[in-house]
C-alpha atoms as a PDB file:
ATOM      1  CA  MET A   1    -113.634  10.424  39.893  1.00  0.00           C
ATOM      2  CA  GLU A   2    -116.398  12.602  40.669  1.00  0.00           C
ATOM      3  CA  PRO A   3    -116.858  15.378  38.101  1.00  0.00           C
ATOM      4  CA  ASP A   4    -115.539  18.147  41.116  1.00  0.00           C
ATOM      5  CA  LEU A   5    -112.751  16.098  41.302  1.00  0.00           C
ATOM      6  CA  LEU A   6    -111.880  15.373  37.542  1.00  0.00           C
ATOM      7  CA  THR A   7    -112.433  19.310  36.726  1.00  0.00           C
ATOM      8  CA  ARG A   8    -110.063  20.376  39.556  1.00  0.00           C
ATOM      9  CA  PHE A   9    -107.771  17.896  38.776  1.00  0.00           C
ATOM     10  CA  TRP A  10    -107.032  19.520  35.278  1.00  0.00           C
ATOM     11  CA  ASN A  11    -106.947  22.848  36.346  1.00  0.00           C
ATOM     12  CA  ASP A  12    -104.618  21.823  38.785  1.00  0.00           C
ATOM     13  CA  LEU A  13    -102.671  20.422  36.356  1.00  0.00           C
ATOM     14  CA  LEU A  14    -102.473  23.258  33.511  1.00  0.00           C
ATOM     15  CA  GLY A  15    -102.520  25.814  36.258  1.00  0.00           C
ATOM     16  CA  ARG A  16     -98.389  24.460  37.015  1.00  0.00           C
ATOM     17  CA  ILE A  17     -97.450  25.308  33.456  1.00  0.00           C
ATOM     18  CA  GLY A  18     -97.038  29.153  34.011  1.00  0.00           C
ATOM     19  CA  GLY A  19     -96.942  28.772  37.998  1.00  0.00           C
ATOM     20  CA  PRO A  20     -93.702  28.657  40.460  1.00  0.00           C
ATOM     21  CA  MET A  21     -91.216  26.144  39.400  1.00  0.00           C
ATOM     22  CA  SER A  22     -92.131  25.844  36.329  1.00  0.00           C
ATOM     23  CA  LEU A  23     -88.630  25.615  35.124  1.00  0.00           C
ATOM     24  CA  ARG A  24     -89.021  21.437  35.869  1.00  0.00           C
ATOM     25  CA  PHE A  25     -90.967  21.258  32.983  1.00  0.00           C
ATOM     26  CA  PHE A  26     -88.114  21.523  31.169  1.00  0.00           C
ATOM     27  CA  LEU A  27     -85.289  20.045  32.827  1.00  0.00           C
ATOM     28  CA  GLN A  28     -87.076  17.050  33.912  1.00  0.00           C
ATOM     29  CA  PRO A  29     -87.871  15.522  30.085  1.00  0.00           C
ATOM     30  CA  LEU A  30     -84.368  17.144  29.408  1.00  0.00           C
ATOM     31  CA  THR A  31     -82.655  15.253  31.983  1.00  0.00           C
ATOM     32  CA  ALA A  32     -84.610  12.014  31.131  1.00  0.00           C
ATOM     33  CA  MET A  33     -83.948  12.451  27.114  1.00  0.00           C
ATOM     34  CA  ILE A  34     -79.936  12.875  28.223  1.00  0.00           C
ATOM     35  CA  LEU A  35     -80.584   9.387  30.190  1.00  0.00           C
ATOM     36  CA  ALA A  36     -82.446   7.937  26.931  1.00  0.00           C
ATOM     37  CA  THR A  37     -79.791   8.634  24.944  1.00  0.00           C
ATOM     38  CA  ARG A  38     -77.005   7.021  27.221  1.00  0.00           C
ATOM     39  CA  ASP A  39     -78.861   4.102  27.584  1.00  0.00           C
ATOM     40  CA  GLY A  40     -79.928   4.341  23.829  1.00  0.00           C
ATOM     41  CA  ILE A  41     -76.772   3.902  22.648  1.00  0.00           C
ATOM     42  CA  HIS A  42     -75.785   1.440  25.086  1.00  0.00           C
ATOM     43  CA  ASP A  43     -78.574  -1.011  23.927  1.00  0.00           C
ATOM     44  CA  ALA A  44     -77.033  -0.249  20.105  1.00  0.00           C
ATOM     45  CA  ARG A  45     -73.339  -1.154  21.344  1.00  0.00           C
ATOM     46  CA  GLU A  46     -74.529  -4.319  23.311  1.00  0.00           C
ATOM     47  CA  GLY A  47     -77.020  -5.328  19.795  1.00  0.00           C
ATOM     48  CA  ARG A  48     -80.421  -5.115  21.409  1.00  0.00           C
ATOM     49  CA  SER A  49     -83.431  -4.717  20.382  1.00  0.00           C
ATOM     50  CA  PRO A  50     -85.146  -1.072  20.249  1.00  0.00           C
ATOM     51  CA  TYR A  51     -86.589  -0.637  23.996  1.00  0.00           C
ATOM     52  CA  PHE A  52     -90.124  -0.040  23.573  1.00  0.00           C
ATOM     53  CA  TRP A  53     -90.677  -2.671  21.044  1.00  0.00           C
ATOM     54  CA  ASP A  54     -88.976  -4.979  23.419  1.00  0.00           C
ATOM     55  CA  LEU A  55     -91.417  -4.044  26.227  1.00  0.00           C
ATOM     56  CA  PHE A  56     -94.153  -5.131  24.101  1.00  0.00           C
ATOM     57  CA  ALA A  57     -93.116  -7.393  21.822  1.00  0.00           C
ATOM     58  CA  GLN A  58     -91.132  -9.189  24.512  1.00  0.00           C
ATOM     59  CA  SER A  59     -89.131 -10.709  21.329  1.00  0.00           C
ATOM     60  CA  GLY A  60     -85.968 -10.805  24.162  1.00  0.00           C
ATOM     61  CA  GLU A  61     -86.039 -10.361  27.820  1.00  0.00           C
ATOM     62  CA  PRO A  62     -89.167 -10.293  30.163  1.00  0.00           C
ATOM     63  CA  ALA A  63     -91.464  -7.262  29.959  1.00  0.00           C
ATOM     64  CA  GLY A  64     -91.347  -7.132  33.787  1.00  0.00           C
ATOM     65  CA  HIS A  65     -87.522  -6.665  33.798  1.00  0.00           C
ATOM     66  CA  LEU A  66     -87.441  -4.033  30.745  1.00  0.00           C
ATOM     67  CA  LEU A  67     -89.481  -2.303  33.035  1.00  0.00           C
ATOM     68  CA  ARG A  68     -87.663  -2.203  36.306  1.00  0.00           C
ATOM     69  CA  GLU A  69     -84.707  -1.442  33.995  1.00  0.00           C
ATOM     70  CA  GLY A  70     -86.346   1.856  32.823  1.00  0.00           C
ATOM     71  CA  LEU A  71     -87.249   2.829  36.174  1.00  0.00           C
ATOM     72  CA  ARG A  72     -84.189   2.147  37.473  1.00  0.00           C
ATOM     73  CA  ALA A  73     -82.243   4.431  35.048  1.00  0.00           C
ATOM     74  CA  VAL A  74     -84.798   7.589  34.859  1.00  0.00           C
ATOM     75  CA  GLY A  75     -85.631   6.488  39.516  1.00  0.00           C
ATOM     76  CA  ARG A  76     -83.654   9.735  40.049  1.00  0.00           C
ATOM     77  CA  VAL A  77     -85.261  11.909  37.651  1.00  0.00           C
ATOM     78  CA  LEU A  78     -88.760  10.520  38.769  1.00  0.00           C
ATOM     79  CA  THR A  79     -87.792  10.840  42.474  1.00  0.00           C
ATOM     80  CA  LEU A  80     -86.734  14.611  41.755  1.00  0.00           C
ATOM     81  CA  ALA A  81     -89.959  15.055  39.871  1.00  0.00           C
ATOM     82  CA  VAL A  82     -91.917  13.939  42.690  1.00  0.00           C
ATOM     83  CA  VAL A  83     -90.186  15.558  45.404  1.00  0.00           C
ATOM     84  CA  LEU A  84     -90.497  19.109  43.417  1.00  0.00           C
ATOM     85  CA  ASP A  85     -94.388  18.142  42.907  1.00  0.00           C
ATOM     86  CA  LEU A  86     -94.647  17.478  46.342  1.00  0.00           C
ATOM     87  CA  ILE A  87     -93.249  20.937  47.213  1.00  0.00           C
ATOM     88  CA  TYR A  88     -95.329  22.610  44.545  1.00  0.00           C
ATOM     89  CA  GLN A  89     -98.579  21.378  45.892  1.00  0.00           C
ATOM     90  CA  VAL A  90     -97.589  22.025  49.726  1.00  0.00           C
ATOM     91  CA  VAL A  91     -96.774  25.725  48.129  1.00  0.00           C
ATOM     92  CA  GLN A  92     -99.492  26.374  46.285  1.00  0.00           C
ATOM     93  CA  PHE A  93    -102.248  24.103  47.117  1.00  0.00           C
ATOM     94  CA  LYS A  94    -101.360  23.796  51.013  1.00  0.00           C
ATOM     95  CA  THR A  95    -102.166  20.181  50.440  1.00  0.00           C
ATOM     96  CA  VAL A  96    -101.044  17.050  48.645  1.00  0.00           C
ATOM     97  CA  HIS A  97    -102.994  15.079  45.844  1.00  0.00           C
ATOM     98  CA  PRO A  98    -100.737  11.870  45.333  1.00  0.00           C
ATOM     99  CA  LEU A  99    -102.464  11.008  42.023  1.00  0.00           C
ATOM    100  CA  GLU A 100    -101.503  14.313  40.696  1.00  0.00           C
ATOM    101  CA  ILE A 101     -97.817  13.778  41.802  1.00  0.00           C
ATOM    102  CA  VAL A 102     -97.936  10.600  39.848  1.00  0.00           C
ATOM    103  CA  VAL A 103     -99.222  11.784  37.198  1.00  0.00           C
ATOM    104  CA  VAL A 104     -96.723  14.622  36.643  1.00  0.00           C
ATOM    105  CA  ALA A 105     -93.735  12.594  37.789  1.00  0.00           C
ATOM    106  CA  LEU A 106     -94.766  10.366  34.933  1.00  0.00           C
ATOM    107  CA  THR A 107     -95.614  12.695  32.508  1.00  0.00           C
ATOM    108  CA  LEU A 108     -92.265  14.691  32.811  1.00  0.00           C
ATOM    109  CA  ALA A 109     -89.885  11.970  33.409  1.00  0.00           C
ATOM    110  CA  PHE A 110     -90.682   8.229  32.574  1.00  0.00           C
ATOM    111  CA  VAL A 111     -92.921   8.972  29.027  1.00  0.00           C
ATOM    112  CA  PRO A 112     -90.079  10.980  27.375  1.00  0.00           C
ATOM    113  CA  TYR A 113     -87.785   8.075  28.427  1.00  0.00           C
ATOM    114  CA  MET A 114     -89.778   5.497  27.496  1.00  0.00           C
ATOM    115  CA  LEU A 115     -90.302   7.043  24.091  1.00  0.00           C
ATOM    116  CA  LEU A 116     -86.837   8.450  22.881  1.00  0.00           C
ATOM    117  CA  ARG A 117     -84.895   5.301  24.051  1.00  0.00           C
ATOM    118  CA  GLY A 118     -85.410   3.025  21.279  1.00  0.00           C
ATOM    119  CA  PRO A 119     -85.611   5.458  18.541  1.00  0.00           C
ATOM    120  CA  ILE A 120     -82.086   6.875  19.865  1.00  0.00           C
ATOM    121  CA  ASN A 121     -80.738   3.016  19.663  1.00  0.00           C
ATOM    122  CA  ARG A 122     -82.381   2.650  16.155  1.00  0.00           C
ATOM    123  CA  LEU A 123     -80.332   5.914  15.055  1.00  0.00           C
ATOM    124  CA  ALA A 124     -76.920   4.297  16.880  1.00  0.00           C
ATOM    125  CA  GLN A 125     -77.231   1.950  14.914  1.00  0.00           C
ATOM    126  CA  LEU A 126     -77.308   3.139  11.864  1.00  0.00           C
ATOM    127  CA  TRP A 127     -74.418   5.771  13.002  1.00  0.00           C
ATOM    128  CA  MET A 128     -72.517   2.530  14.246  1.00  0.00           C
ATOM    129  CA  ARG A 129     -72.949   0.884  10.688  1.00  0.00           C
ATOM    130  CA  TYR A 130     -72.453   3.799   8.534  1.00  0.00           C
ATOM    131  CA  ARG A 131     -69.015   4.558  10.600  1.00  0.00           C
ATOM    132  CA  ARG A 132     -67.997   1.244  10.106  1.00  0.00           C
ATOM    133  CA  PRO A 133     -65.691   0.172   7.297  1.00  0.00           C
ATOM    134  CA  ALA A 134     -66.759  -2.127   4.926  1.00  0.00           C
ATOM    135  CA  ALA A 135     -64.654  -5.510   5.161  1.00  0.00           C
ATOM    136  CA  HIS A 136     -63.146  -6.649   1.943  1.00  0.00           C
END
């Protein structure tokens, strides 16, 4: 990226925080967290390893399959993030910057999901072990 393009990119991204439609900066990560909680608990019940660990360590399923599963799980949130940022750009800038759309959508939706699904799985596994009566 050339310096002017990079400067505009960062200014545009930072300007979104206090600009119109800023409520999405709370709703989209919240939705991703809810989905990560649902899927992390499901993983714990299935006895699967934490998602992020499996994705990179490839101890279980292939990484491509896991990545597609994660994208599918947050697909609606990603789609909503893309649509909302597209609307924001058209209203605010009267133009569309696709790279900014991708960065915002991934940051607001997919990253929180990826970071939370595994730890929630671990917590759910601990909770299930704690709640399970001891065998005599």
